[in-house]
Amino acid sequence: EDLHNPQITLYEHVNYQGKSRIIRDATILGAGHDNDIMSSHKVQRGAWLLCEHSDGSGIQYLARERESLPNYKAIDFNDKLSFLRPLRPGCGC
């Protein structure tokens, strides 16, 4: 997995439909219009920790490189994403 150059694309609706947003760094969605609206993703590079709440608490999901998840309902995460961050190499985080 390319932990040095992470990238994930989030989609507003299931099956990669609606508004999309490319993320490359830790991002708090809870501070803007994208809070609690995402419903699917595709991981281009790296591994990502997706969190229900802006402080990283609540439901968490680990998304791996080249993973495509067409419907967050499958993991009981639909319209719940508020924070995500890439896992970094060698830092234990």
PDB file of N, CA and C in Angstrom:
ATOM      1  N   GLU A   1       0.842  -1.189   0.000  1.00  0.00           N
ATOM      2  CA  GLU A   1       0.000   0.000   0.000  1.00  0.00           C
ATOM      3  C   GLU A   1       0.880   1.242   0.000  1.00  0.00           C
ATOM      4  N   ASP A   2       0.482   2.241  -0.750  1.00  0.00           N
ATOM      5  CA  ASP A   2       1.236   3.486  -0.861  1.00  0.00           C
ATOM      6  C   ASP A   2       0.805   4.435   0.252  1.00  0.00           C
ATOM      7  N   LEU A   3       1.457   4.322   1.401  1.00  0.00           N
ATOM      8  CA  LEU A   3       1.100   5.162   2.540  1.00  0.00           C
ATOM      9  C   LEU A   3       1.708   6.554   2.443  1.00  0.00           C
ATOM     10  N   HIS A   4       2.627   6.750   1.500  1.00  0.00           N
ATOM     11  CA  HIS A   4       3.286   8.048   1.355  1.00  0.00           C
ATOM     12  C   HIS A   4       2.481   9.030   0.508  1.00  0.00           C
ATOM     13  N   ASN A   5       1.572   8.532  -0.296  1.00  0.00           N
ATOM     14  CA  ASN A   5       0.831   9.377  -1.235  1.00  0.00           C
ATOM     15  C   ASN A   5      -0.644   8.955  -1.263  1.00  0.00           C
ATOM     16  N   PRO A   6      -1.343   9.050  -0.126  1.00  0.00           N
ATOM     17  CA  PRO A   6      -2.706   8.523  -0.041  1.00  0.00           C
ATOM     18  C   PRO A   6      -3.730   9.351  -0.824  1.00  0.00           C
ATOM     19  N   GLN A   7      -4.757   8.660  -1.308  1.00  0.00           N
ATOM     20  CA  GLN A   7      -5.859   9.359  -1.978  1.00  0.00           C
ATOM     21  C   GLN A   7      -7.108   8.491  -1.935  1.00  0.00           C
ATOM     22  N   ILE A   8      -8.224   9.116  -1.580  1.00  0.00           N
ATOM     23  CA  ILE A   8      -9.527   8.454  -1.560  1.00  0.00           C
ATOM     24  C   ILE A   8     -10.536   9.402  -2.205  1.00  0.00           C
ATOM     25  N   THR A   9     -11.490   8.837  -2.927  1.00  0.00           N
ATOM     26  CA  THR A   9     -12.576   9.632  -3.492  1.00  0.00           C
ATOM     27  C   THR A   9     -13.866   9.247  -2.780  1.00  0.00           C
ATOM     28  N   LEU A  10     -14.524  10.244  -2.221  1.00  0.00           N
ATOM     29  CA  LEU A  10     -15.802  10.054  -1.538  1.00  0.00           C
ATOM     30  C   LEU A  10     -16.933  10.463  -2.472  1.00  0.00           C
ATOM     31  N   TYR A  11     -18.060   9.779  -2.349  1.00  0.00           N
ATOM     32  CA  TYR A  11     -19.222  10.077  -3.188  1.00  0.00           C
ATOM     33  C   TYR A  11     -20.447  10.306  -2.317  1.00  0.00           C
ATOM     34  N   GLU A  12     -21.240  11.263  -2.722  1.00  0.00           N
ATOM     35  CA  GLU A  12     -22.429  11.653  -1.972  1.00  0.00           C
ATOM     36  C   GLU A  12     -23.487  10.550  -1.936  1.00  0.00           C
ATOM     37  N   HIS A  13     -23.605   9.792  -3.012  1.00  0.00           N
ATOM     38  CA  HIS A  13     -24.651   8.772  -3.111  1.00  0.00           C
ATOM     39  C   HIS A  13     -24.048   7.380  -3.289  1.00  0.00           C
ATOM     40  N   VAL A  14     -24.867   6.359  -3.126  1.00  0.00           N
ATOM     41  CA  VAL A  14     -24.421   4.986  -3.343  1.00  0.00           C
ATOM     42  C   VAL A  14     -24.034   4.796  -4.805  1.00  0.00           C
ATOM     43  N   ASN A  15     -23.249   3.755  -5.049  1.00  0.00           N
ATOM     44  CA  ASN A  15     -22.789   3.401  -6.394  1.00  0.00           C
ATOM     45  C   ASN A  15     -22.000   4.518  -7.063  1.00  0.00           C
ATOM     46  N   TYR A  16     -21.264   5.286  -6.242  1.00  0.00           N
ATOM     47  CA  TYR A  16     -20.331   6.311  -6.729  1.00  0.00           C
ATOM     48  C   TYR A  16     -21.030   7.405  -7.538  1.00  0.00           C
ATOM     49  N   GLN A  17     -22.216   7.768  -7.096  1.00  0.00           N
ATOM     50  CA  GLN A  17     -23.011   8.786  -7.779  1.00  0.00           C
ATOM     51  C   GLN A  17     -23.028  10.086  -6.967  1.00  0.00           C
ATOM     52  N   GLY A  18     -23.521  11.141  -7.587  1.00  0.00           N
ATOM     53  CA  GLY A  18     -23.645  12.436  -6.922  1.00  0.00           C
ATOM     54  C   GLY A  18     -22.314  13.160  -6.846  1.00  0.00           C
ATOM     55  N   LYS A  19     -22.266  14.140  -5.978  1.00  0.00           N
ATOM     56  CA  LYS A  19     -21.059  14.948  -5.803  1.00  0.00           C
ATOM     57  C   LYS A  19     -19.918  14.070  -5.316  1.00  0.00           C
ATOM     58  N   SER A  20     -18.718  14.292  -5.862  1.00  0.00           N
ATOM     59  CA  SER A  20     -17.547  13.554  -5.401  1.00  0.00           C
ATOM     60  C   SER A  20     -16.518  14.524  -4.833  1.00  0.00           C
ATOM     61  N   ARG A  21     -15.663  13.987  -3.978  1.00  0.00           N
ATOM     62  CA  ARG A  21     -14.618  14.804  -3.363  1.00  0.00           C
ATOM     63  C   ARG A  21     -13.365  13.948  -3.201  1.00  0.00           C
ATOM     64  N   ILE A  22     -12.253  14.422  -3.747  1.00  0.00           N
ATOM     65  CA  ILE A  22     -10.968  13.740  -3.623  1.00  0.00           C
ATOM     66  C   ILE A  22     -10.272  14.254  -2.370  1.00  0.00           C
ATOM     67  N   ILE A  23      -9.811  13.322  -1.535  1.00  0.00           N
ATOM     68  CA  ILE A  23      -9.165  13.658  -0.264  1.00  0.00           C
ATOM     69  C   ILE A  23      -7.752  13.074  -0.269  1.00  0.00           C
ATOM     70  N   ARG A  24      -6.779  13.880   0.175  1.00  0.00           N
ATOM     71  CA  ARG A  24      -5.388  13.419   0.235  1.00  0.00           C
ATOM     72  C   ARG A  24      -4.768  13.560   1.624  1.00  0.00           C
ATOM     73  N   ASP A  25      -5.449  14.244   2.537  1.00  0.00           N
ATOM     74  CA  ASP A  25      -4.938  14.480   3.885  1.00  0.00           C
ATOM     75  C   ASP A  25      -6.071  14.288   4.891  1.00  0.00           C
ATOM     76  N   ALA A  26      -5.716  14.305   6.166  1.00  0.00           N
ATOM     77  CA  ALA A  26      -6.736  14.249   7.215  1.00  0.00           C
ATOM     78  C   ALA A  26      -7.731  15.386   6.995  1.00  0.00           C
ATOM     79  N   THR A  27      -9.006  15.066   7.061  1.00  0.00           N
ATOM     80  CA  THR A  27     -10.042  16.043   6.725  1.00  0.00           C
ATOM     81  C   THR A  27     -11.223  15.925   7.682  1.00  0.00           C
ATOM     82  N   ILE A  28     -11.612  17.056   8.242  1.00  0.00           N
ATOM     83  CA  ILE A  28     -12.823  17.120   9.060  1.00  0.00           C
ATOM     84  C   ILE A  28     -13.967  17.556   8.153  1.00  0.00           C
ATOM     85  N   LEU A  29     -14.863  16.644   7.859  1.00  0.00           N
ATOM     86  CA  LEU A  29     -16.026  16.973   7.038  1.00  0.00           C
ATOM     87  C   LEU A  29     -17.094  17.667   7.872  1.00  0.00           C
ATOM     88  N   GLY A  30     -17.037  17.472   9.190  1.00  0.00           N
ATOM     89  CA  GLY A  30     -18.037  18.016  10.102  1.00  0.00           C
ATOM     90  C   GLY A  30     -18.100  19.526  10.121  1.00  0.00           C
ATOM     91  N   ALA A  31     -17.082  20.179   9.576  1.00  0.00           N
ATOM     92  CA  ALA A  31     -17.042  21.639   9.582  1.00  0.00           C
ATOM     93  C   ALA A  31     -17.664  22.251   8.328  1.00  0.00           C
ATOM     94  N   GLY A  32     -18.133  21.415   7.407  1.00  0.00           N
ATOM     95  CA  GLY A  32     -18.634  21.967   6.149  1.00  0.00           C
ATOM     96  C   GLY A  32     -19.868  21.264   5.629  1.00  0.00           C
ATOM     97  N   HIS A  33     -20.115  21.473   4.351  1.00  0.00           N
ATOM     98  CA  HIS A  33     -21.319  20.954   3.702  1.00  0.00           C
ATOM     99  C   HIS A  33     -21.272  19.449   3.452  1.00  0.00           C
ATOM    100  N   ASP A  34     -20.093  18.831   3.587  1.00  0.00           N
ATOM    101  CA  ASP A  34     -19.962  17.407   3.292  1.00  0.00           C
ATOM    102  C   ASP A  34     -20.159  16.519   4.515  1.00  0.00           C
ATOM    103  N   ASN A  35     -20.511  17.095   5.645  1.00  0.00           N
ATOM    104  CA  ASN A  35     -20.704  16.311   6.861  1.00  0.00           C
ATOM    105  C   ASN A  35     -21.936  15.409   6.750  1.00  0.00           C
ATOM    106  N   ASP A  36     -21.745  14.152   7.091  1.00  0.00           N
ATOM    107  CA  ASP A  36     -22.847  13.180   7.159  1.00  0.00           C
ATOM    108  C   ASP A  36     -23.654  13.055   5.868  1.00  0.00           C
ATOM    109  N   ILE A  37     -22.978  13.177   4.715  1.00  0.00           N
ATOM    110  CA  ILE A  37     -23.707  12.991   3.453  1.00  0.00           C
ATOM    111  C   ILE A  37     -23.080  11.930   2.548  1.00  0.00           C
ATOM    112  N   MET A  38     -21.892  11.436   2.862  1.00  0.00           N
ATOM    113  CA  MET A  38     -21.204  10.508   1.967  1.00  0.00           C
ATOM    114  C   MET A  38     -21.774   9.101   2.093  1.00  0.00           C
ATOM    115  N   SER A  39     -21.832   8.408   0.945  1.00  0.00           N
ATOM    116  CA  SER A  39     -22.467   7.093   0.917  1.00  0.00           C
ATOM    117  C   SER A  39     -21.656   6.014   0.211  1.00  0.00           C
ATOM    118  N   SER A  40     -20.503   6.371  -0.388  1.00  0.00           N
ATOM    119  CA  SER A  40     -19.646   5.377  -1.039  1.00  0.00           C
ATOM    120  C   SER A  40     -18.251   5.969  -1.227  1.00  0.00           C
ATOM    121  N   HIS A  41     -17.274   5.084  -1.508  1.00  0.00           N
ATOM    122  CA  HIS A  41     -15.910   5.568  -1.738  1.00  0.00           C
ATOM    123  C   HIS A  41     -15.122   4.609  -2.624  1.00  0.00           C
ATOM    124  N   LYS A  42     -14.027   5.149  -3.165  1.00  0.00           N
ATOM    125  CA  LYS A  42     -13.007   4.362  -3.856  1.00  0.00           C
ATOM    126  C   LYS A  42     -11.656   4.836  -3.337  1.00  0.00           C
ATOM    127  N   VAL A  43     -10.839   3.893  -2.863  1.00  0.00           N
ATOM    128  CA  VAL A  43      -9.499   4.227  -2.383  1.00  0.00           C
ATOM    129  C   VAL A  43      -8.523   4.023  -3.537  1.00  0.00           C
ATOM    130  N   GLN A  44      -7.877   5.104  -3.954  1.00  0.00           N
ATOM    131  CA  GLN A  44      -6.875   4.994  -5.000  1.00  0.00           C
ATOM    132  C   GLN A  44      -5.535   4.532  -4.416  1.00  0.00           C
ATOM    133  N   ARG A  45      -5.134   5.139  -3.292  1.00  0.00           N
ATOM    134  CA  ARG A  45      -3.847   4.810  -2.686  1.00  0.00           C
ATOM    135  C   ARG A  45      -3.939   4.925  -1.174  1.00  0.00           C
ATOM    136  N   GLY A  46      -3.179   4.078  -0.480  1.00  0.00           N
ATOM    137  CA  GLY A  46      -3.066   4.176   0.964  1.00  0.00           C
ATOM    138  C   GLY A  46      -4.150   3.425   1.713  1.00  0.00           C
ATOM    139  N   ALA A  47      -4.152   3.642   3.017  1.00  0.00           N
ATOM    140  CA  ALA A  47      -5.165   3.087   3.914  1.00  0.00           C
ATOM    141  C   ALA A  47      -5.747   4.248   4.704  1.00  0.00           C
ATOM    142  N   TRP A  48      -7.053   4.242   4.888  1.00  0.00           N
ATOM    143  CA  TRP A  48      -7.760   5.378   5.480  1.00  0.00           C
ATOM    144  C   TRP A  48      -8.609   4.936   6.659  1.00  0.00           C
ATOM    145  N   LEU A  49      -8.604   5.741   7.709  1.00  0.00           N
ATOM    146  CA  LEU A  49      -9.497   5.540   8.842  1.00  0.00           C
ATOM    147  C   LEU A  49     -10.661   6.508   8.689  1.00  0.00           C
ATOM    148  N   LEU A  50     -11.865   5.969   8.532  1.00  0.00           N
ATOM    149  CA  LEU A  50     -13.076   6.771   8.395  1.00  0.00           C
ATOM    150  C   LEU A  50     -13.801   6.774   9.734  1.00  0.00           C
ATOM    151  N   CYS A  51     -14.221   7.948  10.201  1.00  0.00           N
ATOM    152  CA  CYS A  51     -14.793   8.083  11.539  1.00  0.00           C
ATOM    153  C   CYS A  51     -16.155   8.769  11.502  1.00  0.00           C
ATOM    154  N   GLU A  52     -17.011   8.321  12.393  1.00  0.00           N
ATOM    155  CA  GLU A  52     -18.366   8.864  12.482  1.00  0.00           C
ATOM    156  C   GLU A  52     -18.379  10.308  12.972  1.00  0.00           C
ATOM    157  N   HIS A  53     -17.540  10.625  13.943  1.00  0.00           N
ATOM    158  CA  HIS A  53     -17.550  11.966  14.538  1.00  0.00           C
ATOM    159  C   HIS A  53     -16.270  12.734  14.205  1.00  0.00           C
ATOM    160  N   SER A  54     -16.349  14.047  14.239  1.00  0.00           N
ATOM    161  CA  SER A  54     -15.229  14.916  13.866  1.00  0.00           C
ATOM    162  C   SER A  54     -13.999  14.740  14.745  1.00  0.00           C
ATOM    163  N   ASP A  55     -14.176  14.235  15.960  1.00  0.00           N
ATOM    164  CA  ASP A  55     -13.036  14.022  16.859  1.00  0.00           C
ATOM    165  C   ASP A  55     -12.448  12.619  16.722  1.00  0.00           C
ATOM    166  N   GLY A  56     -12.916  11.855  15.749  1.00  0.00           N
ATOM    167  CA  GLY A  56     -12.404  10.512  15.509  1.00  0.00           C
ATOM    168  C   GLY A  56     -13.096   9.427  16.306  1.00  0.00           C
ATOM    169  N   SER A  57     -14.090   9.787  17.080  1.00  0.00           N
ATOM    170  CA  SER A  57     -14.799   8.804  17.907  1.00  0.00           C
ATOM    171  C   SER A  57     -15.989   8.219  17.144  1.00  0.00           C
ATOM    172  N   GLY A  58     -16.712   7.347  17.826  1.00  0.00           N
ATOM    173  CA  GLY A  58     -17.882   6.719  17.217  1.00  0.00           C
ATOM    174  C   GLY A  58     -17.485   5.543  16.337  1.00  0.00           C
ATOM    175  N   ILE A  59     -18.328   5.231  15.385  1.00  0.00           N
ATOM    176  CA  ILE A  59     -18.059   4.137  14.454  1.00  0.00           C
ATOM    177  C   ILE A  59     -16.816   4.478  13.644  1.00  0.00           C
ATOM    178  N   GLN A  60     -15.937   3.487  13.465  1.00  0.00           N
ATOM    179  CA  GLN A  60     -14.741   3.667  12.650  1.00  0.00           C
ATOM    180  C   GLN A  60     -14.681   2.553  11.613  1.00  0.00           C
ATOM    181  N   TYR A  61     -14.085   2.866  10.470  1.00  0.00           N
ATOM    182  CA  TYR A  61     -13.945   1.884   9.401  1.00  0.00           C
ATOM    183  C   TYR A  61     -12.582   2.066   8.755  1.00  0.00           C
ATOM    184  N   LEU A  62     -11.865   0.966   8.519  1.00  0.00           N
ATOM    185  CA  LEU A  62     -10.566   1.014   7.864  1.00  0.00           C
ATOM    186  C   LEU A  62     -10.738   0.660   6.396  1.00  0.00           C
ATOM    187  N   ALA A  63     -10.425   1.603   5.526  1.00  0.00           N
ATOM    188  CA  ALA A  63     -10.533   1.411   4.080  1.00  0.00           C
ATOM    189  C   ALA A  63      -9.135   1.193   3.515  1.00  0.00           C
ATOM    190  N   ARG A  64      -8.958   0.126   2.748  1.00  0.00           N
ATOM    191  CA  ARG A  64      -7.639  -0.259   2.234  1.00  0.00           C
ATOM    192  C   ARG A  64      -7.470   0.141   0.774  1.00  0.00           C
ATOM    193  N   GLU A  65      -6.212   0.195   0.351  1.00  0.00           N
ATOM    194  CA  GLU A  65      -5.872   0.569  -1.020  1.00  0.00           C
ATOM    195  C   GLU A  65      -6.620  -0.292  -2.034  1.00  0.00           C
ATOM    196  N   ARG A  66      -7.096   0.348  -3.089  1.00  0.00           N
ATOM    197  CA  ARG A  66      -7.850  -0.255  -4.195  1.00  0.00           C
ATOM    198  C   ARG A  66      -9.219  -0.789  -3.776  1.00  0.00           C
ATOM    199  N   GLU A  67      -9.670  -0.435  -2.579  1.00  0.00           N
ATOM    200  CA  GLU A  67     -11.003  -0.845  -2.133  1.00  0.00           C
ATOM    201  C   GLU A  67     -12.061   0.074  -2.731  1.00  0.00           C
ATOM    202  N   SER A  68     -13.127  -0.527  -3.189  1.00  0.00           N
ATOM    203  CA  SER A  68     -14.302   0.215  -3.641  1.00  0.00           C
ATOM    204  C   SER A  68     -15.485  -0.257  -2.813  1.00  0.00           C
ATOM    205  N   LEU A  69     -16.134   0.671  -2.149  1.00  0.00           N
ATOM    206  CA  LEU A  69     -17.304   0.331  -1.332  1.00  0.00           C
ATOM    207  C   LEU A  69     -18.494   1.110  -1.887  1.00  0.00           C
ATOM    208  N   PRO A  70     -19.383   0.452  -2.629  1.00  0.00           N
ATOM    209  CA  PRO A  70     -20.453   1.148  -3.326  1.00  0.00           C
ATOM    210  C   PRO A  70     -21.620   1.606  -2.465  1.00  0.00           C
ATOM    211  N   ASN A  71     -21.715   1.080  -1.227  1.00  0.00           N
ATOM    212  CA  ASN A  71     -22.875   1.430  -0.414  1.00  0.00           C
ATOM    213  C   ASN A  71     -22.524   1.326   1.071  1.00  0.00           C
ATOM    214  N   TYR A  72     -22.452   2.469   1.749  1.00  0.00           N
ATOM    215  CA  TYR A  72     -22.107   2.485   3.173  1.00  0.00           C
ATOM    216  C   TYR A  72     -23.167   1.820   4.052  1.00  0.00           C
ATOM    217  N   LYS A  73     -24.351   1.571   3.521  1.00  0.00           N
ATOM    218  CA  LYS A  73     -25.365   0.859   4.306  1.00  0.00           C
ATOM    219  C   LYS A  73     -24.879  -0.542   4.666  1.00  0.00           C
ATOM    220  N   ALA A  74     -24.009  -1.113   3.841  1.00  0.00           N
ATOM    221  CA  ALA A  74     -23.473  -2.455   4.086  1.00  0.00           C
ATOM    222  C   ALA A  74     -22.649  -2.513   5.371  1.00  0.00           C
ATOM    223  N   ILE A  75     -22.113  -1.372   5.804  1.00  0.00           N
ATOM    224  CA  ILE A  75     -21.324  -1.323   7.043  1.00  0.00           C
ATOM    225  C   ILE A  75     -21.984  -0.404   8.073  1.00  0.00           C
ATOM    226  N   ASP A  76     -23.257  -0.123   7.889  1.00  0.00           N
ATOM    227  CA  ASP A  76     -24.025   0.752   8.787  1.00  0.00           C
ATOM    228  C   ASP A  76     -23.338   2.106   8.970  1.00  0.00           C
ATOM    229  N   PHE A  77     -22.918   2.701   7.842  1.00  0.00           N
ATOM    230  CA  PHE A  77     -22.148   3.943   7.891  1.00  0.00           C
ATOM    231  C   PHE A  77     -22.718   5.013   6.957  1.00  0.00           C
ATOM    232  N   ASN A  78     -23.868   4.749   6.359  1.00  0.00           N
ATOM    233  CA  ASN A  78     -24.435   5.686   5.389  1.00  0.00           C
ATOM    234  C   ASN A  78     -24.750   7.033   6.032  1.00  0.00           C
ATOM    235  N   ASP A  79     -24.286   8.099   5.407  1.00  0.00           N
ATOM    236  CA  ASP A  79     -24.515   9.478   5.867  1.00  0.00           C
ATOM    237  C   ASP A  79     -24.033   9.703   7.303  1.00  0.00           C
ATOM    238  N   LYS A  80     -22.920   9.064   7.675  1.00  0.00           N
ATOM    239  CA  LYS A  80     -22.381   9.220   9.028  1.00  0.00           C
ATOM    240  C   LYS A  80     -20.946   9.741   9.059  1.00  0.00           C
ATOM    241  N   LEU A  81     -20.261   9.797   7.924  1.00  0.00           N
ATOM    242  CA  LEU A  81     -18.844  10.159   7.894  1.00  0.00           C
ATOM    243  C   LEU A  81     -18.629  11.636   8.214  1.00  0.00           C
ATOM    244  N   SER A  82     -17.798  11.898   9.240  1.00  0.00           N
ATOM    245  CA  SER A  82     -17.486  13.277   9.636  1.00  0.00           C
ATOM    246  C   SER A  82     -15.994  13.577   9.635  1.00  0.00           C
ATOM    247  N   PHE A  83     -15.142  12.537   9.679  1.00  0.00           N
ATOM    248  CA  PHE A  83     -13.692  12.738   9.731  1.00  0.00           C
ATOM    249  C   PHE A  83     -12.994  11.536   9.109  1.00  0.00           C
ATOM    250  N   LEU A  84     -11.930  11.789   8.373  1.00  0.00           N
ATOM    251  CA  LEU A  84     -11.117  10.705   7.858  1.00  0.00           C
ATOM    252  C   LEU A  84      -9.666  11.135   7.820  1.00  0.00           C
ATOM    253  N   ARG A  85      -8.785  10.143   7.940  1.00  0.00           N
ATOM    254  CA  ARG A  85      -7.360  10.430   7.878  1.00  0.00           C
ATOM    255  C   ARG A  85      -6.633   9.231   7.297  1.00  0.00           C
ATOM    256  N   PRO A  86      -5.550   9.506   6.568  1.00  0.00           N
ATOM    257  CA  PRO A  86      -4.747   8.401   6.056  1.00  0.00           C
ATOM    258  C   PRO A  86      -3.856   7.841   7.158  1.00  0.00           C
ATOM    259  N   LEU A  87      -3.580   6.554   7.090  1.00  0.00           N
ATOM    260  CA  LEU A  87      -2.589   5.959   7.979  1.00  0.00           C
ATOM    261  C   LEU A  87      -1.221   6.266   7.385  1.00  0.00           C
ATOM    262  N   ARG A  88      -0.277   6.616   8.229  1.00  0.00           N
ATOM    263  CA  ARG A  88       1.058   7.014   7.782  1.00  0.00           C
ATOM    264  C   ARG A  88       2.081   5.931   8.114  1.00  0.00           C
ATOM    265  N   PRO A  89       3.124   5.786   7.292  1.00  0.00           N
ATOM    266  CA  PRO A  89       4.129   4.749   7.530  1.00  0.00           C
ATOM    267  C   PRO A  89       5.003   5.060   8.736  1.00  0.00           C
ATOM    268  N   GLY A  90       5.262   4.035   9.527  1.00  0.00           N
ATOM    269  CA  GLY A  90       6.255   4.113  10.576  1.00  0.00           C
ATOM    270  C   GLY A  90       5.975   4.978  11.779  1.00  0.00           C
ATOM    271  N   CYS A  91       4.786   5.532  11.912  1.00  0.00           N
ATOM    272  CA  CYS A  91       4.538   6.417  13.052  1.00  0.00           C
ATOM    273  C   CYS A  91       3.614   5.773  14.083  1.00  0.00           C
ATOM    274  N   GLY A  92       3.116   4.571  13.799  1.00  0.00           N
ATOM    275  CA  GLY A  92       2.220   3.913  14.743  1.00  0.00           C
ATOM    276  C   GLY A  92       0.866   4.576  14.848  1.00  0.00           C
ATOM    277  N   CYS A  93       0.503   5.337  13.820  1.00  0.00           N
ATOM    278  CA  CYS A  93      -0.790   6.024  13.845  1.00  0.00           C
ATOM    279  C   CYS A  93      -1.577   5.766  12.583  1.00  0.00           C
TER     280      CYS A  93
END
